[in-house]
Amino acid sequence: MKTHRPPAVFVVTFDFVGMLEKLTGLKGWAEVRGPDSRCGLDYWYKRGRHVANINVDQNDITIAVNGDTICSGDYTKNKALAAFVTERPCKAQRRQRQDSVPKETNNGRRHADRLPGGA
């Protein structure tokens, strides 16, 4: 008897513009380039003189507008944020047949002996 196992990987989609519109009451946010905080993922948006930074680190989202944090927390537990997040299971990719996978040669390099110059 086979048992159903839940998928190990989920695709998470964020509606950042929707979040910003709900939290600020301002419409017309556009994505722009901005600096990287080097912690999690950074998304930058601008509307007129307002600049917003959204940082996603694991399940935590921090939203700052003009340098002031307006919302922060775990999006899976914050209903205001969760309304703008969609999670769906990732479809499993079909496994390749074993005989179609290239064999390792030359200390782990694949088919290096077939490359010009034997590199």
Protein backbone atom coordinates (compact mmCIF):
# COMPACT_ATOMS: atom_id res chain seq x y z
CA MET A 1 0.00 0.00 0.00
CA LYS A 2 1.41 3.37 -1.00
CA THR A 3 1.20 6.24 1.41
CA HIS A 4 0.85 9.81 0.25
CA ARG A 5 3.86 11.95 1.13
CA PRO A 6 3.47 15.70 1.05
CA PRO A 7 5.79 17.45 -1.41
CA ALA A 8 9.09 18.55 0.07
CA VAL A 9 9.33 21.69 -2.07
CA PHE A 10 6.85 24.55 -2.36
CA VAL A 11 6.73 27.46 -4.77
CA VAL A 12 6.06 30.67 -2.84
CA THR A 13 4.72 33.70 -4.72
CA PHE A 14 4.57 37.16 -3.13
CA ASP A 15 2.38 40.07 -4.23
CA PHE A 16 4.65 42.84 -2.94
CA VAL A 17 2.80 45.62 -4.74
CA GLY A 18 -0.43 44.45 -3.12
CA MET A 19 1.28 44.41 0.29
CA LEU A 20 2.59 47.94 -0.17
CA GLU A 21 -0.76 49.25 -1.38
CA LYS A 22 -2.57 47.70 1.61
CA LEU A 23 -0.02 48.85 4.21
CA THR A 24 0.56 52.38 2.89
CA GLY A 25 -2.77 53.19 1.24
CA LEU A 26 -0.81 54.35 -1.83
CA LYS A 27 -1.31 52.90 -5.31
CA GLY A 28 1.14 52.85 -8.22
CA TRP A 29 4.27 51.24 -6.74
CA ALA A 30 6.90 50.28 -9.32
CA GLU A 31 9.88 47.99 -8.83
CA VAL A 32 13.28 49.70 -9.00
CA ARG A 33 16.90 48.67 -8.48
CA GLY A 34 18.32 49.14 -5.04
CA PRO A 35 21.22 48.06 -2.86
CA ASP A 36 21.55 44.53 -1.48
CA SER A 37 21.45 44.10 2.31
CA ARG A 38 23.36 40.80 1.94
CA CYS A 39 20.81 39.15 4.22
CA GLY A 40 17.91 37.39 2.55
CA LEU A 41 16.41 38.83 -0.62
CA ASP A 42 15.79 42.54 -1.16
CA TYR A 43 13.09 44.07 -3.34
CA TRP A 44 12.86 47.83 -3.91
CA TYR A 45 9.80 49.80 -4.98
CA LYS A 46 9.16 53.48 -5.59
CA ARG A 47 6.06 55.64 -5.76
CA GLY A 48 6.66 59.36 -6.17
CA ARG A 49 8.99 60.41 -3.36
CA HIS A 50 8.33 57.21 -1.38
CA VAL A 51 10.88 54.38 -1.53
CA ALA A 52 10.08 50.97 -0.08
CA ASN A 53 12.40 48.09 0.73
CA ILE A 54 11.05 44.59 1.25
CA ASN A 55 13.48 42.09 2.73
CA VAL A 56 12.60 38.38 2.77
CA ASP A 57 14.73 36.15 4.99
CA GLN A 58 13.33 32.63 5.38
CA ASN A 59 9.69 33.19 6.51
CA ASP A 60 10.37 36.68 7.86
CA ILE A 61 9.45 39.76 5.86
CA THR A 62 10.47 43.29 6.78
CA ILE A 63 8.84 46.17 4.93
CA ALA A 64 10.33 49.64 5.28
CA VAL A 65 9.13 52.82 3.59
CA ASN A 66 11.48 55.82 3.53
CA GLY A 67 13.69 54.03 6.07
CA ASP A 68 10.91 53.41 8.62
CA THR A 69 9.84 49.81 9.24
CA ILE A 70 6.08 49.59 8.80
CA CYS A 71 5.67 45.81 9.06
CA SER A 72 7.87 42.95 10.14
CA GLY A 73 7.33 39.31 10.99
CA ASP A 74 6.69 35.77 9.87
CA TYR A 75 4.41 35.92 6.84
CA THR A 76 2.97 32.49 7.68
CA LYS A 77 1.63 33.85 10.99
CA ASN A 78 0.75 37.44 10.02
CA LYS A 79 -2.72 37.50 8.41
CA ALA A 80 -2.13 40.93 6.84
CA LEU A 81 0.90 39.55 4.98
CA ALA A 82 -0.40 36.03 4.38
CA ALA A 83 -3.22 37.40 2.22
CA PHE A 84 -0.58 38.40 -0.37
CA VAL A 85 1.36 35.11 -0.34
CA THR A 86 0.56 32.00 -2.35
CA GLU A 87 2.18 28.65 -1.63
CA ARG A 88 1.76 25.66 -3.90
CA PRO A 89 3.54 22.32 -4.09
CA CYS A 90 6.25 22.08 -6.70
CA LYS A 91 5.55 19.42 -9.28
CA ALA A 92 8.09 16.64 -9.03
CA GLN A 93 10.37 16.33 -12.01
CA ARG A 94 10.54 12.97 -13.65
CA ARG A 95 13.67 11.09 -12.80
CA GLN A 96 16.05 10.28 -15.61
CA ARG A 97 16.66 6.68 -16.38
CA GLN A 98 19.90 5.53 -14.80
CA ASP A 99 21.42 4.54 -18.13
CA SER A 100 20.84 8.06 -19.54
CA VAL A 101 22.87 9.79 -16.83
CA PRO A 102 26.46 10.52 -17.96
CA LYS A 103 29.06 8.43 -16.21
CA GLU A 104 31.69 10.17 -14.11
CA THR A 105 35.19 10.02 -15.57
CA ASN A 106 38.59 11.57 -14.87
CA ASN A 107 38.21 12.39 -11.18
CA GLY A 108 34.58 13.44 -11.35
CA ARG A 109 34.70 15.43 -14.60
CA ARG A 110 32.07 14.27 -17.03
CA HIS A 111 33.29 13.10 -20.40
CA ALA A 112 36.43 15.23 -20.12
CA ASP A 113 38.21 12.81 -22.42
CA ARG A 114 35.81 13.85 -25.22
CA LEU A 115 36.61 17.57 -24.95
CA PRO A 116 39.12 19.11 -27.35
CA GLY A 117 42.57 18.93 -25.81
CA GLY A 118 41.38 16.39 -23.21
CA ALA A 119 40.72 19.17 -20.65
